[in-house]
Amino acid sequence: MRSLTPRLLSVPMVAVVILIAAVAAAGGVALGQFSSAFADTHVQVANVANDAHAVGAKTYLLTCGRQPVNRPKLYSLTCGDENVGVENLSWTGWGTAQAHATGRLVYNTCTPYCAAGNYVSAPVTVTAHGLVRKAGTAVYEKVTVSFTKKVRGDLAPMAGTWDVSASSR
């Protein structure tokens, strides 16, 4: 009697090969290339505002999961708990050395504890900067948040520059 084991193993292997081919055809390879392109994120780019490869659609911020996002409307500044973020972002100058946005900072007061905390918000300007380019794509490594009006004391420390590079995400 012939064993079924070789036949049973070949069916899953064929499925895996088909799945890999489908992902590659759908652009999954490009995402993998993006991730590996930014493994070395410490290459500084001079005069990127004049670099056609860095403008617009090929310029990103990295999410907490290290996924590239282009002109995000909502962006988390703290990855561990996501208790600080910016929302309703409207960008100008995306792809240049410094992109600017207006929006709102949203902050969980964590009082009495984070799960039961209240969210407060305030209007802000956001500047994405520290642009690094490699392999035809570019990523901003810093985000600076500035309040557009005086804010309550517990929000004040949220202003400043946040490291959003791949090594911090």
Protein backbone atom coordinates (compact mmCIF):
# COMPACT_ATOMS: atom_id res chain seq x y z
CA MET A 1 0.00 0.00 0.00
CA ARG A 2 1.33 3.41 -0.97
CA SER A 3 1.78 6.06 1.70
CA LEU A 4 -0.35 9.24 1.52
CA THR A 5 2.20 11.32 3.40
CA PRO A 6 4.07 12.71 0.36
CA ARG A 7 0.80 13.69 -1.31
CA LEU A 8 -0.58 15.39 1.84
CA LEU A 9 2.60 17.37 2.34
CA SER A 10 2.68 18.55 -1.25
CA VAL A 11 -0.80 20.14 -1.11
CA PRO A 12 0.10 22.57 1.73
CA MET A 13 3.40 23.37 0.05
CA VAL A 14 1.62 24.27 -3.20
CA ALA A 15 -0.76 26.48 -1.20
CA VAL A 16 2.18 28.26 0.46
CA VAL A 17 3.84 28.88 -2.91
CA ILE A 18 0.59 30.27 -4.34
CA LEU A 19 0.11 32.51 -1.27
CA ILE A 20 3.65 33.88 -1.52
CA ALA A 21 3.17 34.60 -5.23
CA ALA A 22 -0.14 36.38 -4.54
CA VAL A 23 1.37 38.55 -1.81
CA ALA A 24 4.30 39.47 -4.06
CA ALA A 25 1.96 40.34 -6.93
CA ALA A 26 -0.18 42.50 -4.62
CA GLY A 27 2.79 44.59 -3.52
CA GLY A 28 3.83 42.76 -0.38
CA VAL A 29 7.39 42.63 -1.65
CA ALA A 30 7.49 46.43 -1.87
CA LEU A 31 6.53 46.68 1.80
CA GLY A 32 9.27 44.23 2.71
CA GLN A 33 11.72 46.30 0.69
CA PHE A 34 10.52 49.43 2.52
CA SER A 35 11.14 47.82 5.91
CA SER A 36 14.59 46.62 4.98
CA ALA A 37 15.43 49.93 3.32
CA PHE A 38 15.03 51.65 6.67
CA ALA A 39 16.94 49.13 8.74
CA ASP A 40 19.72 51.71 8.67
CA THR A 41 17.81 54.87 9.56
CA HIS A 42 20.80 56.99 10.48
CA VAL A 43 21.66 58.15 6.98
CA GLN A 44 21.07 61.90 6.90
CA VAL A 45 19.83 63.44 3.71
CA ALA A 46 20.95 66.88 2.62
CA ASN A 47 18.75 69.13 0.53
CA VAL A 48 15.96 66.58 0.18
CA ALA A 49 13.46 69.28 -0.66
CA ASN A 50 14.98 69.29 -4.16
CA ASP A 51 15.03 65.49 -4.45
CA ALA A 52 12.19 64.29 -6.66
CA HIS A 53 12.32 60.82 -5.07
CA ALA A 54 11.49 62.18 -1.62
CA VAL A 55 8.47 64.25 -2.55
CA GLY A 56 4.91 63.25 -1.80
CA ALA A 57 3.68 59.71 -2.09
CA LYS A 58 7.01 58.04 -1.26
CA THR A 59 7.46 59.90 2.04
CA TYR A 60 6.25 58.37 5.30
CA LEU A 61 6.00 58.42 9.05
CA LEU A 62 6.27 55.04 10.77
CA THR A 63 3.44 53.84 13.01
CA CYS A 64 4.01 52.09 16.31
CA GLY A 65 3.89 48.82 14.39
CA ARG A 66 6.58 50.23 12.05
CA GLN A 67 4.12 50.45 9.17
CA PRO A 68 4.58 53.35 6.76
CA VAL A 69 1.81 55.98 6.69
CA ASN A 70 1.55 58.80 4.21
CA ARG A 71 0.06 62.11 5.44
CA PRO A 72 -1.62 60.53 8.48
CA LYS A 73 -4.83 62.10 9.79
CA LEU A 74 -4.32 60.36 13.15
CA TYR A 75 -0.92 59.51 14.67
CA SER A 76 0.06 57.94 18.01
CA LEU A 77 3.07 59.49 19.73
CA THR A 78 3.36 56.87 22.47
CA CYS A 79 3.55 53.27 21.35
CA GLY A 80 3.32 51.33 24.59
CA ASP A 81 -0.04 52.65 25.68
CA GLU A 82 -1.14 55.03 22.92
CA ASN A 83 -2.25 57.55 25.55
CA VAL A 84 -0.84 60.52 23.60
CA GLY A 85 -1.54 61.22 19.96
CA VAL A 86 -2.50 63.82 17.41
CA GLU A 87 -5.64 63.77 15.28
CA ASN A 88 -7.48 65.67 12.55
CA LEU A 89 -4.13 66.41 10.90
CA SER A 90 -4.08 68.49 7.74
CA TRP A 91 -0.61 68.52 6.13
CA THR A 92 1.28 70.98 3.93
CA GLY A 93 4.75 70.53 2.46
CA TRP A 94 4.65 66.75 2.71
CA GLY A 95 7.82 65.28 1.22
CA THR A 96 9.93 68.38 1.84
CA ALA A 97 12.53 68.70 4.59
CA GLN A 98 9.77 69.81 7.00
CA ALA A 99 6.08 68.98 6.65
CA HIS A 100 3.61 70.99 8.73
CA ALA A 101 0.15 70.09 9.99
CA THR A 102 -2.57 71.55 12.13
CA GLY A 103 -4.68 69.32 14.33
CA ARG A 104 -5.38 68.41 17.94
CA LEU A 105 -3.26 66.67 20.56
CA VAL A 106 -5.26 64.06 22.46
CA TYR A 107 -4.01 63.01 25.90
CA ASN A 108 -5.31 60.43 28.40
CA THR A 109 -5.11 61.93 31.90
CA CYS A 110 -4.82 58.40 33.40
CA THR A 111 -6.76 59.63 36.44
CA PRO A 112 -7.48 57.66 38.55
CA TYR A 113 -5.70 55.13 36.25
CA CYS A 114 -5.26 54.92 32.49
CA ALA A 115 -8.10 52.50 31.73
CA ALA A 116 -10.52 54.86 33.51
CA GLY A 117 -8.81 58.09 32.47
CA ASN A 118 -10.38 60.96 30.59
CA TYR A 119 -9.14 62.21 27.26
CA VAL A 120 -8.44 65.91 26.90
CA SER A 121 -7.33 67.71 23.77
CA ALA A 122 -5.91 71.00 22.58
CA PRO A 123 -5.14 72.54 19.17
CA VAL A 124 -1.59 72.04 17.95
CA THR A 125 0.75 72.48 15.05
CA VAL A 126 2.84 69.45 14.14
CA THR A 127 6.12 69.51 12.23
CA ALA A 128 7.51 66.28 10.77
CA HIS A 129 11.26 66.61 10.19
CA GLY A 130 14.55 64.71 10.26
CA LEU A 131 13.88 63.29 6.81
CA VAL A 132 15.97 60.25 5.91
CA ARG A 133 15.95 58.79 2.41
CA LYS A 134 17.07 55.42 1.18
CA ALA A 135 16.14 53.23 -1.78
CA GLY A 136 13.74 55.77 -3.29
CA THR A 137 11.60 56.27 -0.19
CA ALA A 138 11.87 58.74 2.67
CA VAL A 139 10.80 58.70 6.30
CA TYR A 140 10.50 61.48 8.86
CA GLU A 141 12.25 60.55 12.13
CA LYS A 142 11.08 63.43 14.34
CA VAL A 143 7.73 65.04 15.11
CA THR A 144 7.56 68.36 16.94
CA VAL A 145 4.28 69.29 18.62
CA SER A 146 3.52 72.93 19.55
CA PHE A 147 0.35 74.21 21.17
CA THR A 148 -1.40 77.04 19.39
CA LYS A 149 -2.78 78.49 22.63
CA LYS A 150 -2.09 78.28 26.37
CA VAL A 151 -3.00 74.87 27.76
CA ARG A 152 -3.65 73.36 31.17
CA GLY A 153 -0.63 72.25 33.16
CA ASP A 154 -0.83 68.49 32.55
CA LEU A 155 -0.82 69.03 28.78
CA ALA A 156 2.21 71.34 28.70
CA PRO A 157 4.80 68.50 28.88
CA MET A 158 3.34 66.98 25.70
CA ALA A 159 4.80 69.84 23.64
CA GLY A 160 8.24 69.20 22.21
CA THR A 161 10.02 66.87 19.84
CA TRP A 162 9.17 63.18 19.69
CA ASP A 163 11.54 60.57 18.22
CA VAL A 164 9.43 58.52 15.80
CA SER A 165 12.29 56.79 14.01
CA ALA A 166 12.24 53.07 13.26
CA SER A 167 14.51 52.40 16.23
CA SER A 168 12.01 53.98 18.62
CA ARG A 169 8.88 52.37 17.20
